C-alpha atoms as a PDB file:
ATOM      1  CA  MET A   1      18.070  20.309  -8.276  1.00  0.00           C
ATOM      2  CA  PRO A   2      19.039  19.021  -4.876  1.00  0.00           C
ATOM      3  CA  ALA A   3      17.263  16.038  -3.315  1.00  0.00           C
ATOM      4  CA  LEU A   4      14.064  16.685  -1.462  1.00  0.00           C
ATOM      5  CA  LEU A   5      15.725  15.448   1.722  1.00  0.00           C
ATOM      6  CA  SER A   6      12.661  15.571   3.808  1.00  0.00           C
ATOM      7  CA  PRO A   7       9.445  13.487   3.523  1.00  0.00           C
ATOM      8  CA  LEU A   8       7.528  16.783   3.814  1.00  0.00           C
ATOM      9  CA  ILE A   9       7.731  19.846   1.551  1.00  0.00           C
ATOM     10  CA  SER A  10       6.176  23.240   2.057  1.00  0.00           C
ATOM     11  CA  PRO A  11       3.832  24.794  -0.547  1.00  0.00           C
ATOM     12  CA  ALA A  12       6.318  27.675  -1.052  1.00  0.00           C
ATOM     13  CA  ASP A  13       9.175  25.300  -1.664  1.00  0.00           C
ATOM     14  CA  LEU A  14       7.177  23.197  -4.052  1.00  0.00           C
ATOM     15  CA  ALA A  15       6.087  26.295  -5.985  1.00  0.00           C
ATOM     16  CA  ALA A  16       9.734  27.381  -6.264  1.00  0.00           C
ATOM     17  CA  LEU A  17      10.739  24.003  -7.621  1.00  0.00           C
ATOM     18  CA  LEU A  18       7.876  24.042 -10.179  1.00  0.00           C
ATOM     19  CA  ALA A  19       8.891  27.476 -11.282  1.00  0.00           C
ATOM     20  CA  GLY A  20      12.352  26.313 -12.228  1.00  0.00           C
ATOM     21  CA  ARG A  21      13.695  25.736 -15.700  1.00  0.00           C
ATOM     22  CA  PRO A  22      11.875  22.839 -17.479  1.00  0.00           C
ATOM     23  CA  GLY A  23      13.902  19.705 -17.263  1.00  0.00           C
ATOM     24  CA  PRO A  24      14.128  16.210 -15.637  1.00  0.00           C
ATOM     25  CA  ASP A  25      14.386  17.660 -12.141  1.00  0.00           C
ATOM     26  CA  ILE A  26      11.047  19.445 -12.100  1.00  0.00           C
ATOM     27  CA  PRO A  27       8.956  17.551  -9.578  1.00  0.00           C
ATOM     28  CA  VAL A  28       6.154  15.243 -10.642  1.00  0.00           C
ATOM     29  CA  VAL A  29       3.118  16.140  -8.618  1.00  0.00           C
ATOM     30  CA  LEU A  30       0.481  13.636  -7.722  1.00  0.00           C
ATOM     31  CA  ASP A  31      -3.042  14.709  -6.729  1.00  0.00           C
ATOM     32  CA  VAL A  32      -4.204  11.661  -4.691  1.00  0.00           C
ATOM     33  CA  ALA A  33      -7.949  10.988  -4.435  1.00  0.00           C
ATOM     34  CA  GLY A  34      -9.583   8.577  -2.101  1.00  0.00           C
ATOM     35  CA  ALA A  35     -12.736   7.471  -0.388  1.00  0.00           C
ATOM     36  CA  LEU A  36     -11.545   8.217   3.144  1.00  0.00           C
ATOM     37  CA  PRO A  37     -13.294  11.182   4.990  1.00  0.00           C
ATOM     38  CA  GLY A  38     -11.929  14.478   3.876  1.00  0.00           C
ATOM     39  CA  ALA A  39      -9.950  13.065   1.070  1.00  0.00           C
ATOM     40  CA  ARG A  40      -9.852  14.641  -2.407  1.00  0.00           C
ATOM     41  CA  THR A  41     -12.018  13.026  -5.091  1.00  0.00           C
ATOM     42  CA  ARG A  42     -11.802  12.913  -8.826  1.00  0.00           C
ATOM     43  CA  ALA A  43     -14.396  15.719  -8.942  1.00  0.00           C
ATOM     44  CA  ASP A  44     -12.173  17.814  -6.680  1.00  0.00           C
ATOM     45  CA  HIS A  45      -9.244  17.312  -9.078  1.00  0.00           C
ATOM     46  CA  HIS A  46     -11.275  18.388 -12.085  1.00  0.00           C
ATOM     47  CA  ALA A  47     -12.465  21.461 -10.213  1.00  0.00           C
ATOM     48  CA  GLY A  48      -9.006  22.574  -9.323  1.00  0.00           C
ATOM     49  CA  HIS A  49      -5.486  21.220  -8.799  1.00  0.00           C
ATOM     50  CA  VAL A  50      -1.812  22.218  -8.743  1.00  0.00           C
ATOM     51  CA  PRO A  51      -0.872  22.977 -12.346  1.00  0.00           C
ATOM     52  CA  GLY A  52       0.454  19.868 -13.985  1.00  0.00           C
ATOM     53  CA  ALA A  53      -0.532  17.516 -11.145  1.00  0.00           C
ATOM     54  CA  ALA A  54      -1.555  14.102 -12.250  1.00  0.00           C
ATOM     55  CA  PRO A  55      -4.581  12.421 -10.584  1.00  0.00           C
ATOM     56  CA  LEU A  56      -4.158   9.078  -8.798  1.00  0.00           C
ATOM     57  CA  GLY A  57      -6.919   7.142  -7.045  1.00  0.00           C
ATOM     58  CA  LEU A  58      -6.420   5.232  -3.830  1.00  0.00           C
ATOM     59  CA  ASP A  59      -8.818   2.439  -4.848  1.00  0.00           C
ATOM     60  CA  GLU A  60      -8.012   2.531  -8.587  1.00  0.00           C
ATOM     61  CA  ASP A  61      -4.208   2.903  -8.522  1.00  0.00           C
ATOM     62  CA  LEU A  62      -2.724   2.545  -5.011  1.00  0.00           C
ATOM     63  CA  ALA A  63      -4.412  -0.645  -3.842  1.00  0.00           C
ATOM     64  CA  SER A  64      -5.519  -4.019  -5.178  1.00  0.00           C
ATOM     65  CA  ARG A  65      -9.119  -5.277  -4.868  1.00  0.00           C
ATOM     66  CA  PRO A  66     -10.474  -5.635  -1.411  1.00  0.00           C
ATOM     67  CA  GLY A  67     -10.759  -9.103   0.054  1.00  0.00           C
ATOM     68  CA  ALA A  68      -9.317 -11.302   2.776  1.00  0.00           C
ATOM     69  CA  LEU A  69      -6.013  -9.416   2.582  1.00  0.00           C
ATOM     70  CA  GLY A  70      -7.783  -6.167   3.529  1.00  0.00           C
ATOM     71  CA  ARG A  71      -9.707  -3.228   2.121  1.00  0.00           C
ATOM     72  CA  HIS A  72      -6.624  -1.626   0.510  1.00  0.00           C
ATOM     73  CA  PRO A  73      -4.088  -4.468   0.045  1.00  0.00           C
ATOM     74  CA  LEU A  74      -0.850  -3.833  -1.901  1.00  0.00           C
ATOM     75  CA  PRO A  75      -1.420  -3.141  -5.633  1.00  0.00           C
ATOM     76  CA  GLU A  76       0.016  -5.581  -8.158  1.00  0.00           C
ATOM     77  CA  ALA A  77       3.392  -4.270  -9.203  1.00  0.00           C
ATOM     78  CA  ASP A  78       2.482  -4.005 -12.889  1.00  0.00           C
ATOM     79  CA  ARG A  79      -0.733  -2.072 -12.045  1.00  0.00           C
ATOM     80  CA  LEU A  80       1.095   0.394  -9.827  1.00  0.00           C
ATOM     81  CA  GLN A  81       3.851   0.794 -12.448  1.00  0.00           C
ATOM     82  CA  ALA A  82       1.352   1.574 -15.160  1.00  0.00           C
ATOM     83  CA  ALA A  83      -0.413   4.229 -12.904  1.00  0.00           C
ATOM     84  CA  LEU A  84       2.916   5.890 -11.988  1.00  0.00           C
ATOM     85  CA  ARG A  85       4.035   5.919 -15.600  1.00  0.00           C
ATOM     86  CA  ARG A  86       0.796   7.531 -16.668  1.00  0.00           C
ATOM     87  CA  ALA A  87       1.485  10.204 -14.029  1.00  0.00           C
ATOM     88  CA  GLY A  88       4.903  10.826 -15.488  1.00  0.00           C
ATOM     89  CA  VAL A  89       7.100   9.262 -12.820  1.00  0.00           C
ATOM     90  CA  ARG A  90      10.607   8.571 -14.009  1.00  0.00           C
ATOM     91  CA  PRO A  91      13.431   6.722 -12.195  1.00  0.00           C
ATOM     92  CA  GLY A  92      14.946   9.063  -9.657  1.00  0.00           C
ATOM     93  CA  ALA A  93      12.604  11.919 -10.439  1.00  0.00           C
ATOM     94  CA  PRO A  94      11.445  14.065  -7.527  1.00  0.00           C
ATOM     95  CA  VAL A  95       7.824  13.269  -6.661  1.00  0.00           C
ATOM     96  CA  VAL A  96       5.383  15.200  -4.437  1.00  0.00           C
ATOM     97  CA  ALA A  97       1.995  13.877  -3.398  1.00  0.00           C
ATOM     98  CA  TYR A  98      -0.869  15.792  -1.855  1.00  0.00           C
ATOM     99  CA  ASP A  99      -4.464  15.191  -0.747  1.00  0.00           C
ATOM    100  CA  ARG A 100      -7.192  17.186   0.816  1.00  0.00           C
ATOM    101  CA  GLY A 101      -7.340  15.599   4.260  1.00  0.00           C
ATOM    102  CA  ASN A 102      -4.837  15.049   7.025  1.00  0.00           C
ATOM    103  CA  GLY A 103      -2.083  13.876   4.623  1.00  0.00           C
ATOM    104  CA  SER A 104      -2.706  10.083   5.126  1.00  0.00           C
ATOM    105  CA  VAL A 105      -3.809   9.395   1.582  1.00  0.00           C
ATOM    106  CA  ALA A 106      -0.798  11.297   0.262  1.00  0.00           C
ATOM    107  CA  ALA A 107       1.361   9.388   2.710  1.00  0.00           C
ATOM    108  CA  ARG A 108       0.124   6.153   1.208  1.00  0.00           C
ATOM    109  CA  ALA A 109       1.391   7.273  -2.202  1.00  0.00           C
ATOM    110  CA  TRP A 110       4.721   8.369  -0.553  1.00  0.00           C
ATOM    111  CA  TRP A 111       4.955   4.971   1.096  1.00  0.00           C
ATOM    112  CA  LEU A 112       4.129   3.067  -2.090  1.00  0.00           C
ATOM    113  CA  LEU A 113       6.785   4.914  -4.067  1.00  0.00           C
ATOM    114  CA  ARG A 114       9.309   4.018  -1.424  1.00  0.00           C
ATOM    115  CA  TRP A 115       8.051   0.399  -1.450  1.00  0.00           C
ATOM    116  CA  ALA A 116       8.453   0.422  -5.256  1.00  0.00           C
ATOM    117  CA  GLY A 117      12.119   1.331  -4.888  1.00  0.00           C
ATOM    118  CA  HIS A 118      11.989   5.106  -5.476  1.00  0.00           C
ATOM    119  CA  PRO A 119      14.868   6.859  -3.617  1.00  0.00           C
ATOM    120  CA  ALA A 120      13.966   8.106  -0.188  1.00  0.00           C
ATOM    121  CA  ASP A 121      15.224  11.608  -0.830  1.00  0.00           C
ATOM    122  CA  ARG A 122      13.178  12.044  -4.002  1.00  0.00           C
ATOM    123  CA  VAL A 123       9.652  11.678  -2.739  1.00  0.00           C
ATOM    124  CA  ALA A 124       7.707  13.891  -0.361  1.00  0.00           C
ATOM    125  CA  VAL A 125       4.241  14.817   0.822  1.00  0.00           C
ATOM    126  CA  LEU A 126       3.003  18.428   0.422  1.00  0.00           C
ATOM    127  CA  ASP A 127       2.679  19.798   3.978  1.00  0.00           C
ATOM    128  CA  GLY A 128      -0.890  20.901   4.516  1.00  0.00           C
ATOM    129  CA  GLY A 129      -2.057  19.421   1.190  1.00  0.00           C
ATOM    130  CA  TRP A 130      -4.323  21.179  -1.188  1.00  0.00           C
ATOM    131  CA  GLU A 131      -5.783  23.560   1.442  1.00  0.00           C
ATOM    132  CA  ALA A 132      -2.335  24.822   2.306  1.00  0.00           C
ATOM    133  CA  TRP A 133      -1.451  25.388  -1.403  1.00  0.00           C
ATOM    134  CA  VAL A 134      -4.666  27.344  -2.058  1.00  0.00           C
ATOM    135  CA  GLY A 135      -4.298  29.180   1.327  1.00  0.00           C
ATOM    136  CA  ALA A 136      -0.896  30.392   0.260  1.00  0.00           C
ATOM    137  CA  GLY A 137      -2.375  31.976  -2.900  1.00  0.00           C
ATOM    138  CA  LEU A 138      -0.442  29.714  -5.192  1.00  0.00           C
ATOM    139  CA  PRO A 139      -1.532  28.900  -8.708  1.00  0.00           C
ATOM    140  CA  ALA A 140      -4.403  26.446  -9.326  1.00  0.00           C
ATOM    141  CA  THR A 141      -6.033  25.280 -12.458  1.00  0.00           C
ATOM    142  CA  ALA A 142      -8.980  23.241 -13.688  1.00  0.00           C
ATOM    143  CA  GLU A 143      -7.164  22.529 -17.007  1.00  0.00           C
ATOM    144  CA  PRO A 144      -6.605  18.815 -17.554  1.00  0.00           C
ATOM    145  CA  SER A 145      -2.966  17.793 -16.947  1.00  0.00           C
ATOM    146  CA  ALA A 146      -1.092  16.021 -19.728  1.00  0.00           C
ATOM    147  CA  PRO A 147       2.054  14.649 -18.154  1.00  0.00           C
ATOM    148  CA  VAL A 148       4.726  13.145 -20.372  1.00  0.00           C
ATOM    149  CA  PRO A 149       4.559   9.375 -19.680  1.00  0.00           C
ATOM    150  CA  GLY A 150       7.251   8.155 -17.320  1.00  0.00           C
ATOM    151  CA  ASP A 151       9.327   4.974 -17.399  1.00  0.00           C
ATOM    152  CA  ILE A 152       9.665   4.058 -13.734  1.00  0.00           C
ATOM    153  CA  GLU A 153      10.200   0.422 -12.986  1.00  0.00           C
ATOM    154  CA  VAL A 154       8.493  -0.779  -9.881  1.00  0.00           C
ATOM    155  CA  ARG A 155      10.703  -3.000  -7.721  1.00  0.00           C
ATOM    156  CA  PRO A 156       8.679  -4.174  -4.738  1.00  0.00           C
ATOM    157  CA  GLY A 157      10.259  -4.536  -1.323  1.00  0.00           C
ATOM    158  CA  GLY A 158      11.721  -1.079  -0.723  1.00  0.00           C
ATOM    159  CA  MET A 159       9.770  -0.693   2.553  1.00  0.00           C
ATOM    160  CA  PRO A 160       9.341  -3.228   5.436  1.00  0.00           C
ATOM    161  CA  VAL A 161       5.851  -4.823   5.737  1.00  0.00           C
ATOM    162  CA  LEU A 162       4.094  -6.931   8.345  1.00  0.00           C
ATOM    163  CA  ASP A 163       1.537  -9.649   8.005  1.00  0.00           C
ATOM    164  CA  ALA A 164      -0.861 -10.603  10.809  1.00  0.00           C
ATOM    165  CA  ASP A 165       1.571 -12.990  12.462  1.00  0.00           C
ATOM    166  CA  ALA A 166       4.451 -10.460  12.333  1.00  0.00           C
ATOM    167  CA  ALA A 167       2.179  -7.756  13.743  1.00  0.00           C
ATOM    168  CA  ALA A 168       1.284  -9.992  16.686  1.00  0.00           C
ATOM    169  CA  GLY A 169       4.953 -10.742  17.024  1.00  0.00           C
ATOM    170  CA  VAL A 170       5.780  -7.054  17.616  1.00  0.00           C
ATOM    171  CA  VAL A 171       3.593  -7.184  20.746  1.00  0.00           C
ATOM    172  CA  GLU A 172       4.897 -10.563  21.821  1.00  0.00           C
ATOM    173  CA  ALA A 173       8.453  -9.232  21.576  1.00  0.00           C
ATOM    174  CA  GLY A 174       7.588  -6.328  23.903  1.00  0.00           C
ATOM    175  CA  GLY A 175       7.582  -3.803  21.130  1.00  0.00           C
ATOM    176  CA  VAL A 176       5.123  -1.018  20.169  1.00  0.00           C
ATOM    177  CA  LEU A 177       2.415  -1.789  17.677  1.00  0.00           C
ATOM    178  CA  MET A 178       0.697   1.578  16.822  1.00  0.00           C
ATOM    179  CA  ASP A 179      -2.969   1.752  15.721  1.00  0.00           C
ATOM    180  CA  ALA A 180      -3.592   4.882  13.669  1.00  0.00           C
ATOM    181  CA  ARG A 181      -7.411   4.864  13.913  1.00  0.00           C
ATOM    182  CA  VAL A 182      -9.371   7.304  16.033  1.00  0.00           C
ATOM    183  CA  GLY A 183      -9.970   6.409  19.730  1.00  0.00           C
ATOM    184  CA  PRO A 184     -13.597   5.187  19.425  1.00  0.00           C
ATOM    185  CA  ARG A 185     -12.657   2.695  16.764  1.00  0.00           C
ATOM    186  CA  PHE A 186      -9.551   1.516  18.565  1.00  0.00           C
ATOM    187  CA  ARG A 187     -11.593   0.963  21.725  1.00  0.00           C
ATOM    188  CA  GLY A 188     -14.255  -0.905  19.825  1.00  0.00           C
ATOM    189  CA  GLU A 189     -17.026   1.607  20.611  1.00  0.00           C
ATOM    190  CA  THR A 190     -17.840   1.962  16.988  1.00  0.00           C
ATOM    191  CA  GLU A 191     -16.819   0.364  13.669  1.00  0.00           C
ATOM    192  CA  PRO A 192     -18.211   1.924  10.510  1.00  0.00           C
ATOM    193  CA  LEU A 193     -16.190  -0.057   7.988  1.00  0.00           C
ATOM    194  CA  ASP A 194     -15.177  -3.470   9.176  1.00  0.00           C
ATOM    195  CA  PRO A 195     -17.361  -6.351  10.466  1.00  0.00           C
ATOM    196  CA  VAL A 196     -15.621  -6.545  13.918  1.00  0.00           C
ATOM    197  CA  ALA A 197     -14.845  -3.721  16.345  1.00  0.00           C
ATOM    198  CA  GLY A 198     -11.804  -3.517  18.552  1.00  0.00           C
ATOM    199  CA  HIS A 199      -8.027  -3.673  18.176  1.00  0.00           C
ATOM    200  CA  ILE A 200      -5.062  -6.057  18.102  1.00  0.00           C
ATOM    201  CA  PRO A 201      -4.356  -7.083  21.666  1.00  0.00           C
ATOM    202  CA  GLY A 202      -1.376  -5.206  23.026  1.00  0.00           C
ATOM    203  CA  ALA A 203      -1.532  -2.319  20.516  1.00  0.00           C
ATOM    204  CA  VAL A 204      -1.416   1.299  21.535  1.00  0.00           C
ATOM    205  CA  ASN A 205      -3.589   4.038  20.052  1.00  0.00           C
ATOM    206  CA  ALA A 206      -1.803   6.622  17.856  1.00  0.00           C
ATOM    207  CA  PRO A 207      -4.379   8.433  15.805  1.00  0.00           C
ATOM    208  CA  ALA A 208      -3.018   9.737  12.480  1.00  0.00           C
ATOM    209  CA  ALA A 209      -5.355  12.745  12.891  1.00  0.00           C
ATOM    210  CA  ASP A 210      -3.116  13.889  15.870  1.00  0.00           C
ATOM    211  CA  LEU A 211      -0.051  14.152  13.633  1.00  0.00           C
ATOM    212  CA  VAL A 212      -1.301  17.430  12.167  1.00  0.00           C
ATOM    213  CA  GLY A 213      -2.212  20.743  13.780  1.00  0.00           C
ATOM    214  CA  PRO A 214      -5.478  22.686  13.488  1.00  0.00           C
ATOM    215  CA  ASP A 215      -4.112  24.342  10.321  1.00  0.00           C
ATOM    216  CA  GLY A 216      -3.672  21.013   8.589  1.00  0.00           C
ATOM    217  CA  ARG A 217       0.076  21.233   8.640  1.00  0.00           C
ATOM    218  CA  TRP A 218       2.127  18.356  10.143  1.00  0.00           C
ATOM    219  CA  LEU A 219       3.523  18.906  13.616  1.00  0.00           C
ATOM    220  CA  SER A 220       7.171  19.769  13.949  1.00  0.00           C
ATOM    221  CA  ALA A 221       9.770  16.975  13.977  1.00  0.00           C
ATOM    222  CA  ALA A 222      10.289  17.626  17.692  1.00  0.00           C
ATOM    223  CA  ALA A 223       6.593  17.450  18.538  1.00  0.00           C
ATOM    224  CA  LEU A 224       6.199  14.225  16.525  1.00  0.00           C
ATOM    225  CA  ALA A 225       9.149  12.699  18.223  1.00  0.00           C
ATOM    226  CA  GLU A 226       7.752  13.592  21.619  1.00  0.00           C
ATOM    227  CA  ARG A 227       4.394  12.057  20.729  1.00  0.00           C
ATOM    228  CA  LEU A 228       6.005   8.825  19.458  1.00  0.00           C
ATOM    229  CA  GLY A 229       8.235   8.700  22.434  1.00  0.00           C
ATOM    230  CA  ALA A 230       5.218   8.906  24.827  1.00  0.00           C
ATOM    231  CA  LEU A 231       3.935   5.706  23.177  1.00  0.00           C
ATOM    232  CA  GLY A 232       7.093   3.943  24.437  1.00  0.00           C
ATOM    233  CA  ILE A 233       9.219   4.058  21.253  1.00  0.00           C
ATOM    234  CA  ARG A 234      12.790   4.375  22.535  1.00  0.00           C
ATOM    235  CA  GLY A 235      14.785   3.098  19.575  1.00  0.00           C
ATOM    236  CA  GLY A 236      15.621  -0.426  20.753  1.00  0.00           C
ATOM    237  CA  GLU A 237      12.394  -2.369  20.486  1.00  0.00           C
ATOM    238  CA  ALA A 238      10.296  -3.735  17.668  1.00  0.00           C
ATOM    239  CA  VAL A 239       7.864  -1.287  16.196  1.00  0.00           C
ATOM    240  CA  GLY A 240       4.958  -1.602  13.774  1.00  0.00           C
ATOM    241  CA  ALA A 241       2.060   0.476  12.466  1.00  0.00           C
ATOM    242  CA  TYR A 242      -1.504  -0.409  11.401  1.00  0.00           C
ATOM    243  CA  CYS A 243      -4.943   1.197  10.969  1.00  0.00           C
ATOM    244  CA  GLY A 244      -8.116   0.120   9.324  1.00  0.00           C
ATOM    245  CA  SER A 245      -6.777  -0.743   5.892  1.00  0.00           C
ATOM    246  CA  GLY A 246      -3.138   0.374   5.706  1.00  0.00           C
ATOM    247  CA  VAL A 247      -3.665   4.012   4.681  1.00  0.00           C
ATOM    248  CA  ASN A 248      -3.651   6.156   7.817  1.00  0.00           C
ATOM    249  CA  ALA A 249      -0.871   4.042   9.218  1.00  0.00           C
ATOM    250  CA  ALA A 250       1.358   5.119   6.355  1.00  0.00           C
ATOM    251  CA  ALA A 251       1.201   8.627   8.040  1.00  0.00           C
ATOM    252  CA  LEU A 252       2.723   7.072  11.178  1.00  0.00           C
ATOM    253  CA  VAL A 253       5.583   5.736   9.102  1.00  0.00           C
ATOM    254  CA  LEU A 254       6.137   9.150   7.524  1.00  0.00           C
ATOM    255  CA  ALA A 255       5.922  10.918  10.927  1.00  0.00           C
ATOM    256  CA  ALA A 256       8.544   8.599  12.442  1.00  0.00           C
ATOM    257  CA  GLU A 257      10.849   9.231   9.549  1.00  0.00           C
ATOM    258  CA  PHE A 258      10.349  13.042   9.615  1.00  0.00           C
ATOM    259  CA  ALA A 259      10.896  13.005  13.356  1.00  0.00           C
ATOM    260  CA  GLY A 260      14.102  11.003  13.094  1.00  0.00           C
ATOM    261  CA  VAL A 261      12.730   8.174  15.251  1.00  0.00           C
ATOM    262  CA  ARG A 262      15.142   5.308  15.042  1.00  0.00           C
ATOM    263  CA  THR A 263      13.913   1.691  15.208  1.00  0.00           C
ATOM    264  CA  PRO A 264      15.538  -1.700  14.722  1.00  0.00           C
ATOM    265  CA  ALA A 265      13.793  -1.952  11.350  1.00  0.00           C
ATOM    266  CA  GLU A 266      13.999   1.413   9.646  1.00  0.00           C
ATOM    267  CA  PRO A 267      11.544   2.790   8.482  1.00  0.00           C
ATOM    268  CA  VAL A 268       8.736   1.613  10.758  1.00  0.00           C
ATOM    269  CA  PRO A 269       7.204  -1.566   9.270  1.00  0.00           C
ATOM    270  CA  LEU A 270       3.663  -1.201   8.042  1.00  0.00           C
ATOM    271  CA  TYR A 271       0.935  -3.841   8.481  1.00  0.00           C
ATOM    272  CA  VAL A 272      -0.707  -3.160   5.078  1.00  0.00           C
ATOM    273  CA  GLY A 273      -3.728  -5.502   5.680  1.00  0.00           C
ATOM    274  CA  SER A 274      -4.332  -3.776   9.034  1.00  0.00           C
ATOM    275  CA  TRP A 275      -7.515  -4.345  10.989  1.00  0.00           C
ATOM    276  CA  SER A 276      -9.501  -5.171   7.860  1.00  0.00           C
ATOM    277  CA  ASN A 277      -7.164  -8.198   7.361  1.00  0.00           C
ATOM    278  CA  TRP A 278      -6.826  -9.043  11.043  1.00  0.00           C
ATOM    279  CA  CYS A 279     -10.562  -9.256  11.766  1.00  0.00           C
ATOM    280  CA  ALA A 280     -11.243 -11.299   8.666  1.00  0.00           C
ATOM    281  CA  ASP A 281      -9.983 -14.384  10.451  1.00  0.00           C
ATOM    282  CA  PRO A 282     -12.335 -15.225  13.428  1.00  0.00           C
ATOM    283  CA  ALA A 283      -9.577 -17.178  15.129  1.00  0.00           C
ATOM    284  CA  ARG A 284      -7.544 -13.983  15.774  1.00  0.00           C
ATOM    285  CA  PRO A 285      -8.022 -12.403  19.163  1.00  0.00           C
ATOM    286  CA  VAL A 286      -9.725  -9.034  19.522  1.00  0.00           C
ATOM    287  CA  ALA A 287      -9.283  -6.573  22.332  1.00  0.00           C
ATOM    288  CA  THR A 288     -11.626  -3.659  23.247  1.00  0.00           C
ATOM    289  CA  GLY A 289     -11.379  -0.737  25.600  1.00  0.00           C
ATOM    290  CA  PRO A 290      -8.222   1.479  26.090  1.00  0.00           C
ATOM    291  CA  ALA A 291      -4.703   0.228  25.693  1.00  0.00           C
ATOM    292  CA  ASP A 292      -3.180  -1.565  28.695  1.00  0.00           C
ATOM    293  CA  PRO A 293      -1.481   1.222  30.673  1.00  0.00           C
ATOM    294  CA  ASP A 294       1.029  -1.250  32.035  1.00  0.00           C
ATOM    295  CA  ARG A 295       2.550  -1.550  28.588  1.00  0.00           C
ATOM    296  CA  LEU A 296       3.578   2.084  28.757  1.00  0.00           C
ATOM    297  CA  ARG A 297       4.391   2.325  32.436  1.00  0.00           C
ATOM    298  CA  SER A 298       6.782  -0.657  32.151  1.00  0.00           C
ATOM    299  CA  ARG A 299       8.947   1.110  29.587  1.00  0.00           C
ATOM    300  CA  PRO A 300      12.131   2.865  30.727  1.00  0.00           C
END
């Protein structure tokens, strides 16, 4: 089977791959559950899923315990490895993740697989997620999945990450630090999850929800490139992405890669701790209101 090539795969293409002759190149499918609004839950998985899909939980499998490092810090390597092996992931095997929301929770799984050293052309997110799969009339089942255990070895470091100082450094260097949260949270008008409202000074708002269309499918590569370009990303400056806890921002990393956006550090570095880590230190500055328009007007 050829490599997946793109970080996104259509329901029809995934169905065709799953219908192939059984063997090591049949994709491993991950049904990713999470506590974010609109995300699939364990109950959703048990009610219906892509045949053979293995359930993974954002909090249980794809993050460590919440604390000063954030609400969804990086999982311990052995914990992630155990979860991926239970799901049947093998070295070099094609893997497709899906969720029920805007693709951000599945993007977190995509990002973590890349961070764990899985080949870039062997992992993708199902475009449109569960709703697109069902909407296309493709097979679904409530039968429990029983994947053959995999033997992937997690080797951390496959994706660039930022800590708080490095995130601030992106702004100080005149780069583009993207905040994937919705506008009211970015502007500090509301904060339902973290103890402090606002954003990292100098950041620009790039809501992950705007990366998909009304049908739940991701925008085209050209449309995503246009949106990222409007934020000031031109290919020569530092770039970073964050959100509330490092989940929605993974969608920005995926979008940039799908759109072919080139940055000095490819792919776009992710501030995993994100706002939940930033605001945990009262000494760090907090900005409210819209982004400074001069940051965008000054870019060529």
